[in-house]
Amino acid sequence: MLHAQAADLGKGEVGKVGKVTAVHAVTLGPPWLPWETTSSCLEPTLPARRIDLHTHSSASDGTTPPAQLMREAREAGLDVVALTDHDTTAGWQDAERALPAGLSLVRGSELSCSRGGISLHLLAYLFDPDEPDFAAVRRTLRDSRVARAQRMVDLLAADGHPVTWEQVRALAGGTVGRPHIAQALMAHGLVDSVNDAFMPDWIGTRGRYWVAKAELDVVDGVRLVVGAGGVAVFAHPGASKRGRIVGDDVIALMAAAGLAGLEVDHVDHDESERAHLRALAAELGLLTTGSSDFHGDNKEVRLGAHLTSEASYDEIVARATGLPVLAA
């Protein structure tokens, strides 16, 4: 079984794989009076918090500035939101300053990783941003994103398309990514949408103007996150509609290195993929999360489209030693 495999592989590895427990409650009386049964008495319980642990701002490839994202998260009814821009922490300070009453902020990042030639994403929560090894790797990943984007612009210009590096940088305002090149293509009427730009004729993966970027081995990524006091969750691991995905054996290796959980409830997972991931998480002793993967206007998904349970969130917070959760 994979759990045994992960346990064997994990001897001497960083971190331990956690367990998740579920809370079961019954509702008695009118629906506006929730009660939880205990062995001694009936006690009132608060409504569950609405927790979205995967969002992007204009600090990477989202369109919403970090401060505005915090306000919109609260207006959307969220109680907890994680800011997880790609390979950067640049939006953290603005988000913290704008944090509205009633909203808690989980500081994080989404790391560019790979395994066996397959691109993967790793969500890193509540890590120490100044831990030197992890900080150096994130710097390398960011620099690669910039060089890659500039090379794609050069290829477009060489074919006579009127996209300039200055225009793309102005559209980004932060870390440059493919969505900013897509916006430039839209501005010149070359494509109708960001999705159209991500087709093979343009900047889609292995497309005409696509360029590879530096990516961290995903098992090494897990170790770096844990070593910086953070908590690692595998982002949209079953999203086969995006391209090739890794097998369960790779996830077992990640669990052995200290992976805490799998992002199960995600817009790019169908029901069969979610069911498989839940079973795998149970077998490996991993927690499960749900998130919107919000990107502002670059994607149609809304804040809070999928949510994380309180049990999983509480375990993430308990495991983290790098940073605390912020609240206004």
Protein backbone atom coordinates (compact mmCIF):
# COMPACT_ATOMS: atom_id res chain seq x y z
CA MET A 1 0.00 0.00 0.00
CA LEU A 2 1.11 3.53 -0.70
CA HIS A 3 0.90 4.50 2.98
CA ALA A 4 3.44 1.85 3.85
CA GLN A 5 5.55 2.88 0.87
CA ALA A 6 5.54 6.49 2.00
CA ALA A 7 6.43 5.48 5.55
CA ASP A 8 9.41 3.46 4.34
CA LEU A 9 10.58 6.18 1.99
CA GLY A 10 10.18 8.78 4.70
CA LYS A 11 12.75 7.36 7.13
CA GLY A 12 15.14 10.19 7.74
CA GLU A 13 13.11 12.61 5.59
CA VAL A 14 11.91 16.03 6.69
CA GLY A 15 8.54 16.26 8.44
CA LYS A 16 5.74 13.83 9.17
CA VAL A 17 2.52 13.13 7.35
CA GLY A 18 -0.50 14.32 9.29
CA LYS A 19 -3.87 12.78 9.97
CA VAL A 20 -7.22 14.50 9.56
CA THR A 21 -10.17 13.96 11.85
CA ALA A 22 -13.71 14.89 10.97
CA VAL A 23 -16.24 16.57 13.23
CA HIS A 24 -19.78 15.29 13.00
CA ALA A 25 -22.71 17.32 14.29
CA VAL A 26 -26.45 17.00 14.32
CA THR A 27 -28.89 19.86 14.08
CA LEU A 28 -31.80 19.95 16.49
CA GLY A 29 -34.74 22.34 16.46
CA PRO A 30 -35.13 25.29 14.11
CA PRO A 31 -32.40 25.76 11.47
CA TRP A 32 -31.33 29.07 13.03
CA LEU A 33 -30.37 27.32 16.28
CA PRO A 34 -27.48 24.90 15.51
CA TRP A 35 -26.41 22.59 18.33
CA GLU A 36 -23.66 20.03 18.63
CA THR A 37 -24.23 16.97 20.81
CA THR A 38 -21.69 16.17 23.52
CA SER A 39 -21.57 13.53 26.22
CA SER A 40 -22.68 16.01 28.88
CA CYS A 41 -24.95 18.63 27.35
CA LEU A 42 -26.09 20.46 24.27
CA GLU A 43 -23.87 23.41 23.35
CA PRO A 44 -24.36 26.04 20.63
CA THR A 45 -21.82 26.00 17.77
CA LEU A 46 -20.77 28.78 15.44
CA PRO A 47 -21.30 28.50 11.67
CA ALA A 48 -18.31 27.03 9.83
CA ARG A 49 -15.76 29.51 8.57
CA ARG A 50 -15.54 29.97 4.80
CA ILE A 51 -11.90 29.26 3.89
CA ASP A 52 -10.32 29.74 0.43
CA LEU A 53 -6.63 28.74 0.38
CA HIS A 54 -5.56 29.51 -3.21
CA THR A 55 -5.77 32.97 -4.81
CA HIS A 56 -3.60 35.12 -7.07
CA SER A 57 -3.20 38.88 -7.24
CA SER A 58 -1.55 41.30 -9.65
CA ALA A 59 1.72 40.55 -7.85
CA SER A 60 1.88 37.53 -10.19
CA ASP A 61 -0.64 36.50 -12.86
CA GLY A 62 -3.91 37.74 -11.34
CA THR A 63 -5.57 41.00 -12.29
CA THR A 64 -6.68 42.16 -8.82
CA PRO A 65 -4.24 44.18 -6.67
CA PRO A 66 -3.53 42.50 -3.32
CA ALA A 67 -5.30 45.18 -1.24
CA GLN A 68 -8.40 45.01 -3.42
CA LEU A 69 -8.31 41.22 -3.30
CA MET A 70 -8.56 41.34 0.50
CA ARG A 71 -11.63 43.60 0.32
CA GLU A 72 -13.27 41.43 -2.34
CA ALA A 73 -12.58 38.29 -0.32
CA ARG A 74 -14.46 39.70 2.65
CA GLU A 75 -17.28 40.97 0.42
CA ALA A 76 -17.53 37.44 -1.00
CA GLY A 77 -18.22 36.16 2.53
CA LEU A 78 -14.83 34.60 3.18
CA ASP A 79 -13.47 34.36 6.72
CA VAL A 80 -10.00 33.12 5.70
CA VAL A 81 -8.10 33.67 2.46
CA ALA A 82 -4.63 32.60 1.35
CA LEU A 83 -2.62 34.79 -1.01
CA THR A 84 -0.51 32.38 -3.09
CA ASP A 85 1.09 34.26 -5.97
CA HIS A 86 3.50 32.37 -8.19
CA ASP A 87 7.02 32.13 -6.76
CA THR A 88 6.72 35.48 -4.98
CA THR A 89 5.72 37.08 -1.69
CA ALA A 90 5.55 40.56 -3.24
CA GLY A 91 1.84 41.02 -2.49
CA TRP A 92 1.96 40.13 1.20
CA GLN A 93 2.61 43.60 2.60
CA ASP A 94 -0.15 45.34 0.64
CA ALA A 95 -2.58 42.56 1.55
CA GLU A 96 -1.73 42.84 5.25
CA ARG A 97 -2.18 46.61 5.26
CA ALA A 98 -5.63 46.33 3.66
CA LEU A 99 -6.87 43.37 5.72
CA PRO A 100 -10.50 44.14 6.67
CA ALA A 101 -12.15 43.25 9.95
CA GLY A 102 -13.40 39.68 10.03
CA LEU A 103 -10.90 38.32 7.49
CA SER A 104 -7.80 36.26 8.30
CA LEU A 105 -4.85 36.13 5.88
CA VAL A 106 -2.73 33.05 5.26
CA ARG A 107 0.49 34.16 3.58
CA GLY A 108 1.75 31.73 0.98
CA SER A 109 3.07 31.16 -2.52
CA GLU A 110 2.54 28.73 -5.39
CA LEU A 111 5.83 27.20 -6.51
CA SER A 112 6.74 26.20 -10.06
CA CYS A 113 7.83 22.56 -9.86
CA SER A 114 8.24 19.52 -12.07
CA ARG A 115 8.84 15.78 -11.99
CA GLY A 116 9.78 13.63 -14.95
CA GLY A 117 9.19 16.48 -17.39
CA ILE A 118 5.70 17.20 -16.03
CA SER A 119 5.02 20.72 -14.74
CA LEU A 120 3.48 20.80 -11.26
CA HIS A 121 2.46 23.42 -8.71
CA LEU A 122 3.06 23.28 -4.97
CA LEU A 123 1.18 25.51 -2.53
CA ALA A 124 3.42 26.69 0.32
CA TYR A 125 1.73 28.18 3.39
CA LEU A 126 3.05 30.17 6.36
CA PHE A 127 6.76 29.68 5.64
CA ASP A 128 9.54 31.98 6.80
CA PRO A 129 10.27 34.15 3.73
CA ASP A 130 13.80 34.90 4.97
CA GLU A 131 14.95 31.28 5.31
CA PRO A 132 18.00 31.48 3.01
CA ASP A 133 17.77 28.23 1.02
CA PHE A 134 14.11 28.64 0.15
CA ALA A 135 14.49 32.38 -0.53
CA ALA A 136 17.31 31.69 -3.01
CA VAL A 137 15.26 29.10 -4.89
CA ARG A 138 12.26 31.44 -5.16
CA ARG A 139 14.53 34.17 -6.50
CA THR A 140 15.82 31.81 -9.20
CA LEU A 141 12.27 30.82 -10.17
CA ARG A 142 11.19 34.48 -10.44
CA ASP A 143 14.21 35.39 -12.56
CA SER A 144 13.44 32.49 -14.87
CA ARG A 145 9.85 33.67 -15.29
CA VAL A 146 11.07 37.08 -16.42
CA ALA A 147 13.67 35.68 -18.86
CA ARG A 148 11.11 33.26 -20.25
CA ALA A 149 8.49 35.95 -20.82
CA GLN A 150 11.01 38.22 -22.51
CA ARG A 151 12.07 35.42 -24.83
CA MET A 152 8.41 34.77 -25.81
CA VAL A 153 7.95 38.46 -26.59
CA ASP A 154 11.09 38.37 -28.72
CA LEU A 155 9.72 35.40 -30.68
CA LEU A 156 6.41 37.19 -31.26
CA ALA A 157 8.20 40.34 -32.42
CA ALA A 158 10.42 38.33 -34.75
CA ASP A 159 7.27 37.13 -36.53
CA GLY A 160 6.04 40.69 -36.91
CA HIS A 161 3.51 40.81 -34.06
CA PRO A 162 3.37 44.28 -32.41
CA VAL A 163 3.90 43.10 -28.83
CA THR A 164 6.68 44.84 -26.90
CA TRP A 165 8.45 44.03 -23.65
CA GLU A 166 7.66 47.48 -22.30
CA GLN A 167 3.95 46.89 -22.86
CA VAL A 168 4.01 43.48 -21.17
CA ARG A 169 5.89 44.81 -18.14
CA ALA A 170 3.42 47.66 -17.79
CA LEU A 171 0.50 45.21 -17.90
CA ALA A 172 2.13 43.03 -15.24
CA GLY A 173 3.02 45.63 -12.66
CA GLY A 174 4.69 42.79 -10.73
CA THR A 175 6.06 39.37 -11.67
CA VAL A 176 5.63 38.92 -15.43
CA GLY A 177 3.81 35.81 -16.61
CA ARG A 178 2.14 34.38 -19.67
CA PRO A 179 -1.23 35.99 -18.85
CA HIS A 180 0.36 39.41 -19.30
CA ILE A 181 1.59 38.42 -22.76
CA ALA A 182 -1.92 37.15 -23.44
CA GLN A 183 -3.33 40.56 -22.42
CA ALA A 184 -0.94 42.25 -24.83
CA LEU A 185 -2.08 39.94 -27.63
CA MET A 186 -5.68 40.84 -26.81
CA ALA A 187 -4.86 44.57 -26.80
CA HIS A 188 -3.58 44.25 -30.37
CA GLY A 189 -6.62 42.25 -31.49
CA LEU A 190 -4.58 39.13 -32.16
CA VAL A 191 -6.71 36.95 -29.86
CA ASP A 192 -10.13 37.37 -28.30
CA SER A 193 -9.37 36.04 -24.83
CA VAL A 194 -6.66 34.82 -22.49
CA ASN A 195 -7.76 31.25 -23.21
CA ASP A 196 -7.29 31.84 -26.95
CA ALA A 197 -3.75 33.05 -26.29
CA PHE A 198 -3.01 29.82 -24.43
CA MET A 199 -3.63 27.74 -27.56
CA PRO A 200 -0.79 26.04 -29.52
CA ASP A 201 -0.75 28.75 -32.19
CA TRP A 202 0.33 31.27 -29.59
CA ILE A 203 1.78 30.78 -26.07
CA GLY A 204 0.11 27.54 -25.02
CA THR A 205 2.32 24.82 -23.54
CA ARG A 206 4.79 23.69 -26.24
CA GLY A 207 3.04 26.04 -28.64
CA ARG A 208 4.58 28.20 -31.35
CA TYR A 209 5.77 30.97 -29.01
CA TRP A 210 6.02 28.98 -25.79
CA VAL A 211 9.32 28.89 -23.87
CA ALA A 212 10.13 26.58 -20.95
CA LYS A 213 11.01 28.03 -17.54
CA ALA A 214 13.11 26.82 -14.62
CA GLU A 215 11.18 24.49 -12.34
CA LEU A 216 12.03 22.96 -8.98
CA ASP A 217 11.89 19.21 -8.45
CA VAL A 218 8.64 18.79 -6.56
CA VAL A 219 10.06 16.51 -3.84
CA ASP A 220 12.86 18.99 -3.22
CA GLY A 221 10.21 21.70 -3.14
CA VAL A 222 8.33 19.95 -0.36
CA ARG A 223 11.53 19.65 1.67
CA LEU A 224 12.34 23.34 1.19
CA VAL A 225 8.87 24.44 2.31
CA VAL A 226 9.01 22.25 5.40
CA GLY A 227 12.56 23.38 6.13
CA ALA A 228 11.33 27.00 6.12
CA GLY A 229 8.65 26.18 8.70
CA GLY A 230 5.88 26.05 6.11
CA VAL A 231 3.17 23.61 5.10
CA ALA A 232 3.09 22.10 1.59
CA VAL A 233 -0.08 21.15 -0.29
CA PHE A 234 -0.04 19.73 -3.83
CA ALA A 235 -2.08 22.09 -6.03
CA HIS A 236 -4.69 20.59 -8.39
CA PRO A 237 -2.83 17.24 -8.61
CA GLY A 238 -5.47 15.52 -10.76
CA ALA A 239 -6.03 18.29 -13.31
CA SER A 240 -5.62 16.10 -16.39
CA LYS A 241 -7.40 18.68 -18.55
CA ARG A 242 -4.30 20.88 -18.13
CA GLY A 243 -1.96 18.22 -19.46
CA ARG A 244 0.02 15.30 -18.10
CA ILE A 245 -0.21 14.55 -14.37
CA VAL A 246 2.05 12.52 -12.11
CA GLY A 247 1.12 9.12 -10.74
CA ASP A 248 0.26 8.16 -7.19
CA ASP A 249 3.84 6.92 -6.71
CA VAL A 250 5.15 10.49 -7.01
CA ILE A 251 2.58 11.72 -4.50
CA ALA A 252 3.77 8.97 -2.13
CA LEU A 253 7.33 10.30 -2.51
CA MET A 254 6.07 13.81 -1.75
CA ALA A 255 4.27 12.52 1.33
CA ALA A 256 7.48 10.89 2.50
CA ALA A 257 9.26 14.25 2.15
CA GLY A 258 6.66 15.98 4.34
CA LEU A 259 3.75 16.88 2.05
CA ALA A 260 0.77 17.82 4.23
CA GLY A 261 -2.13 17.57 1.81
CA LEU A 262 -3.79 17.51 -1.58
CA GLU A 263 -5.93 20.24 -3.11
CA VAL A 264 -8.95 18.11 -4.03
CA ASP A 265 -11.88 20.47 -4.60
CA HIS A 266 -10.70 22.53 -7.57
CA VAL A 267 -12.41 23.74 -10.73
CA ASP A 268 -10.09 21.61 -12.90
CA HIS A 269 -11.01 18.33 -11.15
CA ASP A 270 -14.04 16.30 -12.19
CA GLU A 271 -15.91 14.12 -9.72
CA SER A 272 -13.95 10.95 -10.49
CA GLU A 273 -10.65 12.78 -10.01
CA ARG A 274 -11.85 14.18 -6.69
CA ALA A 275 -12.97 10.76 -5.50
CA HIS A 276 -9.61 9.23 -6.39
CA LEU A 277 -7.69 12.00 -4.64
CA ARG A 278 -9.79 11.70 -1.48
CA ALA A 279 -9.12 7.97 -1.33
CA LEU A 280 -5.41 8.50 -1.94
CA ALA A 281 -5.22 11.20 0.75
CA ALA A 282 -6.87 8.85 3.23
CA GLU A 283 -4.42 6.08 2.36
CA LEU A 284 -1.37 8.35 2.71
CA GLY A 285 -2.62 10.17 5.79
CA LEU A 286 -2.84 13.53 4.00
CA LEU A 287 -5.34 16.31 4.60
CA THR A 288 -7.51 17.63 1.76
CA THR A 289 -8.31 21.21 0.78
CA GLY A 290 -10.63 23.09 -1.56
CA SER A 291 -9.87 26.41 -3.20
CA SER A 292 -10.96 28.78 -5.95
CA ASP A 293 -7.54 29.38 -7.60
CA PHE A 294 -8.87 32.90 -8.18
CA HIS A 295 -7.07 34.98 -10.84
CA GLY A 296 -9.39 37.97 -11.16
CA ASP A 297 -10.48 38.63 -14.74
CA ASN A 298 -7.99 36.14 -16.17
CA LYS A 299 -10.25 33.22 -15.18
CA GLU A 300 -13.99 32.92 -14.72
CA VAL A 301 -13.83 31.19 -11.32
CA ARG A 302 -14.95 33.34 -8.38
CA LEU A 303 -13.61 33.70 -4.86
CA GLY A 304 -14.94 30.95 -2.59
CA ALA A 305 -15.91 28.71 -5.51
CA HIS A 306 -14.46 25.81 -3.50
CA LEU A 307 -13.64 25.81 0.20
CA THR A 308 -11.41 24.08 2.75
CA SER A 309 -12.82 22.38 5.84
CA GLU A 310 -12.11 23.83 9.27
CA ALA A 311 -10.37 20.59 10.30
CA SER A 312 -7.88 20.79 7.43
CA TYR A 313 -7.31 24.50 7.95
CA ASP A 314 -6.71 24.07 11.68
CA GLU A 315 -4.17 21.34 10.99
CA ILE A 316 -2.30 23.52 8.48
CA VAL A 317 -2.09 26.31 11.05
CA ALA A 318 -0.98 23.91 13.78
CA ARG A 319 1.80 22.44 11.62
CA ALA A 320 3.25 25.80 10.54
CA THR A 321 6.22 27.21 12.46
CA GLY A 322 7.37 29.85 9.98
CA LEU A 323 4.67 32.52 10.25
CA PRO A 324 1.35 33.08 12.02
CA VAL A 325 -2.00 33.71 10.37
CA LEU A 326 -2.80 37.45 10.25
CA ALA A 327 -6.10 39.01 11.34
CA ALA A 328 -7.15 42.66 11.43
